[in-house]
ModelCIF file with pLDDT and N, C-alpha, C, O atoms, coordinates in Angstrom:
data_MODEL
#
_entry.id   MODEL 
#
_entity.id                         1 
_entity.type                       polymer 
_entity.pdbx_number_of_molecules   1 
#
_entity_poly.entity_id                      1 
_entity_poly.type                           'polypeptide(L)' 
_entity_poly.nstd_linkage                   no 
_entity_poly.nstd_monomer                   no 
_entity_poly.pdbx_seq_one_letter_code       RCRWCAAAPEFLPYHDTEWGFPIADDRRLFE 
_entity_poly.pdbx_seq_one_letter_code_can   RCRWCAAAPEFLPYHDTEWGFPIADDRRLFE 
_entity_poly.pdbx_strand_id                 A 
#
loop_
_entity_poly_seq.entity_id 
_entity_poly_seq.num 
_entity_poly_seq.mon_id 
_entity_poly_seq.hetero 
1 1  ARG n 
1 2  CYS n 
1 3  ARG n 
1 4  TRP n 
1 5  CYS n 
1 6  ALA n 
1 7  ALA n 
1 8  ALA n 
1 9  PRO n 
1 10 GLU n 
1 11 PHE n 
1 12 LEU n 
1 13 PRO n 
1 14 TYR n 
1 15 HIS n 
1 16 ASP n 
1 17 THR n 
1 18 GLU n 
1 19 TRP n 
1 20 GLY n 
1 21 PHE n 
1 22 PRO n 
1 23 ILE n 
1 24 ALA n 
1 25 ASP n 
1 26 ASP n 
1 27 ARG n 
1 28 ARG n 
1 29 LEU n 
1 30 PHE n 
1 31 GLU n 
#
_struct_asym.id          A 
_struct_asym.entity_id   1 
#
loop_
_ma_qa_metric.id 
_ma_qa_metric.mode 
_ma_qa_metric.name 
_ma_qa_metric.software_group_id 
_ma_qa_metric.type 
1 global pLDDT . pLDDT 
2 local  pLDDT . pLDDT 
#
_ma_qa_metric_global.metric_id      1 
_ma_qa_metric_global.metric_value   95.77 
_ma_qa_metric_global.model_id       1 
_ma_qa_metric_global.ordinal_id     1 
#
loop_
_ma_qa_metric_local.label_asym_id 
_ma_qa_metric_local.label_comp_id 
_ma_qa_metric_local.label_seq_id 
_ma_qa_metric_local.metric_id 
_ma_qa_metric_local.metric_value 
_ma_qa_metric_local.model_id 
_ma_qa_metric_local.ordinal_id 
A ARG 1  2 96.00 1 1  
A CYS 2  2 96.00 1 2  
A ARG 3  2 94.00 1 3  
A TRP 4  2 94.00 1 4  
A CYS 5  2 92.00 1 5  
A ALA 6  2 91.00 1 6  
A ALA 7  2 91.00 1 7  
A ALA 8  2 92.00 1 8  
A PRO 9  2 91.00 1 9  
A GLU 10 2 92.00 1 10 
A PHE 11 2 95.00 1 11 
A LEU 12 2 95.00 1 12 
A PRO 13 2 95.00 1 13 
A TYR 14 2 97.00 1 14 
A HIS 15 2 97.00 1 15 
A ASP 16 2 97.00 1 16 
A THR 17 2 97.00 1 17 
A GLU 18 2 97.00 1 18 
A TRP 19 2 97.00 1 19 
A GLY 20 2 97.00 1 20 
A PHE 21 2 98.00 1 21 
A PRO 22 2 98.00 1 22 
A ILE 23 2 97.00 1 23 
A ALA 24 2 97.00 1 24 
A ASP 25 2 98.00 1 25 
A ASP 26 2 98.00 1 26 
A ARG 27 2 98.00 1 27 
A ARG 28 2 98.00 1 28 
A LEU 29 2 98.00 1 29 
A PHE 30 2 98.00 1 30 
A GLU 31 2 98.00 1 31 
#
loop_
_atom_site.group_PDB 
_atom_site.id 
_atom_site.type_symbol 
_atom_site.label_atom_id 
_atom_site.label_alt_id 
_atom_site.label_comp_id 
_atom_site.label_asym_id 
_atom_site.label_entity_id 
_atom_site.label_seq_id 
_atom_site.pdbx_PDB_ins_code 
_atom_site.Cartn_x 
_atom_site.Cartn_y 
_atom_site.Cartn_z 
_atom_site.occupancy 
_atom_site.B_iso_or_equiv 
_atom_site.pdbx_formal_charge 
_atom_site.auth_seq_id 
_atom_site.auth_comp_id 
_atom_site.auth_asym_id 
_atom_site.auth_atom_id 
_atom_site.pdbx_PDB_model_num 
ATOM 1   N N  . ARG A 1 1  ? -59.263 50.928 -46.203 1.00 96.00 ? 1  ARG A N  1 
ATOM 2   C CA . ARG A 1 1  ? -58.712 49.538 -47.475 1.00 96.00 ? 1  ARG A CA 1 
ATOM 3   C C  . ARG A 1 1  ? -59.129 50.002 -48.448 1.00 96.00 ? 1  ARG A C  1 
ATOM 4   O O  . ARG A 1 1  ? -59.992 50.880 -48.465 1.00 96.00 ? 1  ARG A O  1 
ATOM 5   N N  . CYS A 1 2  ? -58.365 49.286 -49.869 1.00 96.00 ? 2  CYS A N  1 
ATOM 6   C CA . CYS A 1 2  ? -58.145 48.796 -50.928 1.00 96.00 ? 2  CYS A CA 1 
ATOM 7   C C  . CYS A 1 2  ? -59.664 48.968 -50.856 1.00 96.00 ? 2  CYS A C  1 
ATOM 8   O O  . CYS A 1 2  ? -60.163 49.096 -49.738 1.00 96.00 ? 2  CYS A O  1 
ATOM 9   N N  . ARG A 1 3  ? -60.381 48.982 -51.848 1.00 94.00 ? 3  ARG A N  1 
ATOM 10  C CA . ARG A 1 3  ? -61.806 48.364 -52.082 1.00 94.00 ? 3  ARG A CA 1 
ATOM 11  C C  . ARG A 1 3  ? -61.892 46.555 -52.255 1.00 94.00 ? 3  ARG A C  1 
ATOM 12  O O  . ARG A 1 3  ? -62.835 45.920 -51.785 1.00 94.00 ? 3  ARG A O  1 
ATOM 13  N N  . TRP A 1 4  ? -60.863 45.972 -52.924 1.00 94.00 ? 4  TRP A N  1 
ATOM 14  C CA . TRP A 1 4  ? -60.403 44.441 -53.037 1.00 94.00 ? 4  TRP A CA 1 
ATOM 15  C C  . TRP A 1 4  ? -60.717 43.829 -51.529 1.00 94.00 ? 4  TRP A C  1 
ATOM 16  O O  . TRP A 1 4  ? -61.289 42.768 -51.280 1.00 94.00 ? 4  TRP A O  1 
ATOM 17  N N  . CYS A 1 5  ? -60.335 44.521 -50.859 1.00 92.00 ? 5  CYS A N  1 
ATOM 18  C CA . CYS A 1 5  ? -60.096 43.914 -49.143 1.00 92.00 ? 5  CYS A CA 1 
ATOM 19  C C  . CYS A 1 5  ? -62.052 43.160 -48.983 1.00 92.00 ? 5  CYS A C  1 
ATOM 20  O O  . CYS A 1 5  ? -62.425 41.994 -48.852 1.00 92.00 ? 5  CYS A O  1 
ATOM 21  N N  . ALA A 1 6  ? -62.536 43.948 -49.040 1.00 91.00 ? 6  ALA A N  1 
ATOM 22  C CA . ALA A 1 6  ? -63.587 43.450 -48.896 1.00 91.00 ? 6  ALA A CA 1 
ATOM 23  C C  . ALA A 1 6  ? -64.827 42.303 -49.908 1.00 91.00 ? 6  ALA A C  1 
ATOM 24  O O  . ALA A 1 6  ? -66.048 42.330 -49.754 1.00 91.00 ? 6  ALA A O  1 
ATOM 25  N N  . ALA A 1 7  ? -64.482 41.886 -50.360 1.00 91.00 ? 7  ALA A N  1 
ATOM 26  C CA . ALA A 1 7  ? -64.463 40.798 -51.317 1.00 91.00 ? 7  ALA A CA 1 
ATOM 27  C C  . ALA A 1 7  ? -64.580 39.554 -51.078 1.00 91.00 ? 7  ALA A C  1 
ATOM 28  O O  . ALA A 1 7  ? -64.832 38.714 -51.943 1.00 91.00 ? 7  ALA A O  1 
ATOM 29  N N  . ALA A 1 8  ? -64.399 39.312 -49.816 1.00 92.00 ? 8  ALA A N  1 
ATOM 30  C CA . ALA A 1 8  ? -64.087 38.210 -48.670 1.00 92.00 ? 8  ALA A CA 1 
ATOM 31  C C  . ALA A 1 8  ? -63.889 38.374 -47.857 1.00 92.00 ? 8  ALA A C  1 
ATOM 32  O O  . ALA A 1 8  ? -63.389 39.493 -47.734 1.00 92.00 ? 8  ALA A O  1 
ATOM 33  N N  . PRO A 1 9  ? -64.038 37.497 -46.409 1.00 91.00 ? 9  PRO A N  1 
ATOM 34  C CA . PRO A 1 9  ? -63.702 37.894 -45.531 1.00 91.00 ? 9  PRO A CA 1 
ATOM 35  C C  . PRO A 1 9  ? -61.869 37.462 -45.083 1.00 91.00 ? 9  PRO A C  1 
ATOM 36  O O  . PRO A 1 9  ? -60.984 38.090 -44.501 1.00 91.00 ? 9  PRO A O  1 
ATOM 37  N N  . GLU A 1 10 ? -61.935 36.269 -45.628 1.00 92.00 ? 10 GLU A N  1 
ATOM 38  C CA . GLU A 1 10 ? -60.690 36.502 -45.615 1.00 92.00 ? 10 GLU A CA 1 
ATOM 39  C C  . GLU A 1 10 ? -58.882 37.036 -45.994 1.00 92.00 ? 10 GLU A C  1 
ATOM 40  O O  . GLU A 1 10 ? -57.794 36.845 -45.450 1.00 92.00 ? 10 GLU A O  1 
ATOM 41  N N  . PHE A 1 11 ? -59.487 37.957 -47.523 1.00 95.00 ? 11 PHE A N  1 
ATOM 42  C CA . PHE A 1 11 ? -59.234 38.678 -47.930 1.00 95.00 ? 11 PHE A CA 1 
ATOM 43  C C  . PHE A 1 11 ? -58.088 40.015 -46.580 1.00 95.00 ? 11 PHE A C  1 
ATOM 44  O O  . PHE A 1 11 ? -56.916 40.137 -46.226 1.00 95.00 ? 11 PHE A O  1 
ATOM 45  N N  . LEU A 1 12 ? -59.501 40.726 -46.299 1.00 95.00 ? 12 LEU A N  1 
ATOM 46  C CA . LEU A 1 12 ? -58.679 41.268 -44.981 1.00 95.00 ? 12 LEU A CA 1 
ATOM 47  C C  . LEU A 1 12 ? -57.174 41.550 -44.238 1.00 95.00 ? 12 LEU A C  1 
ATOM 48  O O  . LEU A 1 12 ? -56.385 42.495 -44.234 1.00 95.00 ? 12 LEU A O  1 
ATOM 49  N N  . PRO A 1 13 ? -57.224 40.089 -43.559 1.00 95.00 ? 13 PRO A N  1 
ATOM 50  C CA . PRO A 1 13 ? -55.841 39.845 -42.766 1.00 95.00 ? 13 PRO A CA 1 
ATOM 51  C C  . PRO A 1 13 ? -55.603 39.631 -43.831 1.00 95.00 ? 13 PRO A C  1 
ATOM 52  O O  . PRO A 1 13 ? -55.955 38.479 -43.576 1.00 95.00 ? 13 PRO A O  1 
ATOM 53  N N  . TYR A 1 14 ? -55.273 39.578 -45.084 1.00 97.00 ? 14 TYR A N  1 
ATOM 54  C CA . TYR A 1 14 ? -54.647 38.513 -46.096 1.00 97.00 ? 14 TYR A CA 1 
ATOM 55  C C  . TYR A 1 14 ? -53.692 40.228 -46.163 1.00 97.00 ? 14 TYR A C  1 
ATOM 56  O O  . TYR A 1 14 ? -52.504 40.437 -45.917 1.00 97.00 ? 14 TYR A O  1 
ATOM 57  N N  . HIS A 1 15 ? -54.586 41.033 -46.513 1.00 97.00 ? 15 HIS A N  1 
ATOM 58  C CA . HIS A 1 15 ? -54.596 42.596 -47.020 1.00 97.00 ? 15 HIS A CA 1 
ATOM 59  C C  . HIS A 1 15 ? -53.720 43.533 -45.838 1.00 97.00 ? 15 HIS A C  1 
ATOM 60  O O  . HIS A 1 15 ? -52.656 44.136 -45.974 1.00 97.00 ? 15 HIS A O  1 
ATOM 61  N N  . ASP A 1 16 ? -54.463 43.421 -44.838 1.00 97.00 ? 16 ASP A N  1 
ATOM 62  C CA . ASP A 1 16 ? -53.765 43.700 -43.935 1.00 97.00 ? 16 ASP A CA 1 
ATOM 63  C C  . ASP A 1 16 ? -52.093 43.075 -43.499 1.00 97.00 ? 16 ASP A C  1 
ATOM 64  O O  . ASP A 1 16 ? -51.506 43.965 -42.882 1.00 97.00 ? 16 ASP A O  1 
ATOM 65  N N  . THR A 1 17 ? -51.414 42.097 -43.626 1.00 97.00 ? 17 THR A N  1 
ATOM 66  C CA . THR A 1 17 ? -50.194 41.733 -42.678 1.00 97.00 ? 17 THR A CA 1 
ATOM 67  C C  . THR A 1 17 ? -49.470 41.331 -43.980 1.00 97.00 ? 17 THR A C  1 
ATOM 68  O O  . THR A 1 17 ? -48.410 41.911 -43.745 1.00 97.00 ? 17 THR A O  1 
ATOM 69  N N  . GLU A 1 18 ? -49.324 40.888 -44.907 1.00 97.00 ? 18 GLU A N  1 
ATOM 70  C CA . GLU A 1 18 ? -48.555 40.079 -45.989 1.00 97.00 ? 18 GLU A CA 1 
ATOM 71  C C  . GLU A 1 18 ? -48.566 41.046 -47.625 1.00 97.00 ? 18 GLU A C  1 
ATOM 72  O O  . GLU A 1 18 ? -47.588 41.188 -48.359 1.00 97.00 ? 18 GLU A O  1 
ATOM 73  N N  . TRP A 1 19 ? -50.270 41.721 -47.912 1.00 97.00 ? 19 TRP A N  1 
ATOM 74  C CA . TRP A 1 19 ? -49.943 42.360 -49.656 1.00 97.00 ? 19 TRP A CA 1 
ATOM 75  C C  . TRP A 1 19 ? -49.426 43.575 -48.967 1.00 97.00 ? 19 TRP A C  1 
ATOM 76  O O  . TRP A 1 19 ? -49.742 44.271 -48.002 1.00 97.00 ? 19 TRP A O  1 
ATOM 77  N N  . GLY A 1 20 ? -48.210 43.519 -50.152 1.00 97.00 ? 20 GLY A N  1 
ATOM 78  C CA . GLY A 1 20 ? -47.210 44.497 -50.638 1.00 97.00 ? 20 GLY A CA 1 
ATOM 79  C C  . GLY A 1 20 ? -46.698 45.224 -49.294 1.00 97.00 ? 20 GLY A C  1 
ATOM 80  O O  . GLY A 1 20 ? -46.506 46.409 -49.021 1.00 97.00 ? 20 GLY A O  1 
ATOM 81  N N  . PHE A 1 21 ? -46.548 43.954 -48.524 1.00 98.00 ? 21 PHE A N  1 
ATOM 82  C CA . PHE A 1 21 ? -45.745 44.020 -47.619 1.00 98.00 ? 21 PHE A CA 1 
ATOM 83  C C  . PHE A 1 21 ? -43.871 43.066 -48.395 1.00 98.00 ? 21 PHE A C  1 
ATOM 84  O O  . PHE A 1 21 ? -43.595 42.130 -49.146 1.00 98.00 ? 21 PHE A O  1 
ATOM 85  N N  . PRO A 1 22 ? -43.038 44.220 -47.477 1.00 98.00 ? 22 PRO A N  1 
ATOM 86  C CA . PRO A 1 22 ? -41.345 42.905 -48.385 1.00 98.00 ? 22 PRO A CA 1 
ATOM 87  C C  . PRO A 1 22 ? -40.985 41.365 -47.604 1.00 98.00 ? 22 PRO A C  1 
ATOM 88  O O  . PRO A 1 22 ? -41.323 40.733 -46.603 1.00 98.00 ? 22 PRO A O  1 
ATOM 89  N N  . ILE A 1 23 ? -40.470 41.297 -48.269 1.00 97.00 ? 23 ILE A N  1 
ATOM 90  C CA . ILE A 1 23 ? -40.166 39.539 -48.106 1.00 97.00 ? 23 ILE A CA 1 
ATOM 91  C C  . ILE A 1 23 ? -39.021 39.597 -48.545 1.00 97.00 ? 23 ILE A C  1 
ATOM 92  O O  . ILE A 1 23 ? -38.790 40.438 -49.413 1.00 97.00 ? 23 ILE A O  1 
ATOM 93  N N  . ALA A 1 24 ? -37.990 38.747 -48.092 1.00 97.00 ? 24 ALA A N  1 
ATOM 94  C CA . ALA A 1 24 ? -36.385 38.457 -49.117 1.00 97.00 ? 24 ALA A CA 1 
ATOM 95  C C  . ALA A 1 24 ? -36.093 36.626 -48.463 1.00 97.00 ? 24 ALA A C  1 
ATOM 96  O O  . ALA A 1 24 ? -34.988 36.092 -48.560 1.00 97.00 ? 24 ALA A O  1 
ATOM 97  N N  . ASP A 1 25 ? -37.631 35.744 -47.675 1.00 98.00 ? 25 ASP A N  1 
ATOM 98  C CA . ASP A 1 25 ? -36.697 34.400 -48.132 1.00 98.00 ? 25 ASP A CA 1 
ATOM 99  C C  . ASP A 1 25 ? -38.019 33.989 -49.092 1.00 98.00 ? 25 ASP A C  1 
ATOM 100 O O  . ASP A 1 25 ? -39.224 34.006 -49.341 1.00 98.00 ? 25 ASP A O  1 
ATOM 101 N N  . ASP A 1 26 ? -36.445 33.554 -49.433 1.00 98.00 ? 26 ASP A N  1 
ATOM 102 C CA . ASP A 1 26 ? -37.059 32.470 -50.123 1.00 98.00 ? 26 ASP A CA 1 
ATOM 103 C C  . ASP A 1 26 ? -38.348 31.896 -51.122 1.00 98.00 ? 26 ASP A C  1 
ATOM 104 O O  . ASP A 1 26 ? -39.013 32.049 -52.147 1.00 98.00 ? 26 ASP A O  1 
ATOM 105 N N  . ARG A 1 27 ? -37.953 30.717 -49.285 1.00 98.00 ? 27 ARG A N  1 
ATOM 106 C CA . ARG A 1 27 ? -39.523 29.340 -49.300 1.00 98.00 ? 27 ARG A CA 1 
ATOM 107 C C  . ARG A 1 27 ? -40.651 30.773 -50.426 1.00 98.00 ? 27 ARG A C  1 
ATOM 108 O O  . ARG A 1 27 ? -40.863 30.741 -51.638 1.00 98.00 ? 27 ARG A O  1 
ATOM 109 N N  . ARG A 1 28 ? -41.273 32.158 -49.083 1.00 98.00 ? 28 ARG A N  1 
ATOM 110 C CA . ARG A 1 28 ? -42.051 32.396 -49.220 1.00 98.00 ? 28 ARG A CA 1 
ATOM 111 C C  . ARG A 1 28 ? -42.751 32.844 -50.584 1.00 98.00 ? 28 ARG A C  1 
ATOM 112 O O  . ARG A 1 28 ? -43.854 32.658 -51.098 1.00 98.00 ? 28 ARG A O  1 
ATOM 113 N N  . LEU A 1 29 ? -41.127 33.784 -51.053 1.00 98.00 ? 29 LEU A N  1 
ATOM 114 C CA . LEU A 1 29 ? -41.135 34.168 -52.185 1.00 98.00 ? 29 LEU A CA 1 
ATOM 115 C C  . LEU A 1 29 ? -41.636 32.890 -53.348 1.00 98.00 ? 29 LEU A C  1 
ATOM 116 O O  . LEU A 1 29 ? -42.779 33.042 -53.779 1.00 98.00 ? 29 LEU A O  1 
ATOM 117 N N  . PHE A 1 30 ? -41.069 31.993 -53.731 1.00 98.00 ? 30 PHE A N  1 
ATOM 118 C CA . PHE A 1 30 ? -41.278 30.708 -54.337 1.00 98.00 ? 30 PHE A CA 1 
ATOM 119 C C  . PHE A 1 30 ? -42.578 30.336 -53.844 1.00 98.00 ? 30 PHE A C  1 
ATOM 120 O O  . PHE A 1 30 ? -43.336 30.383 -54.813 1.00 98.00 ? 30 PHE A O  1 
ATOM 121 N N  . GLU A 1 31 ? -43.308 29.934 -52.643 1.00 98.00 ? 31 GLU A N  1 
ATOM 122 C CA . GLU A 1 31 ? -44.954 30.382 -52.623 1.00 98.00 ? 31 GLU A CA 1 
ATOM 123 C C  . GLU A 1 31 ? -45.576 31.220 -53.444 1.00 98.00 ? 31 GLU A C  1 
ATOM 124 O O  . GLU A 1 31 ? -46.778 31.444 -53.303 1.00 98.00 ? 31 GLU A O  1 
#
């Protein structure tokens, strides 16, 4: 996995399920 995701425990699920995955929901984009 990308090295940065080991910097904190909460980074792993964010890296594995969100970061870099395409989204088109306007609220999520604004968030």
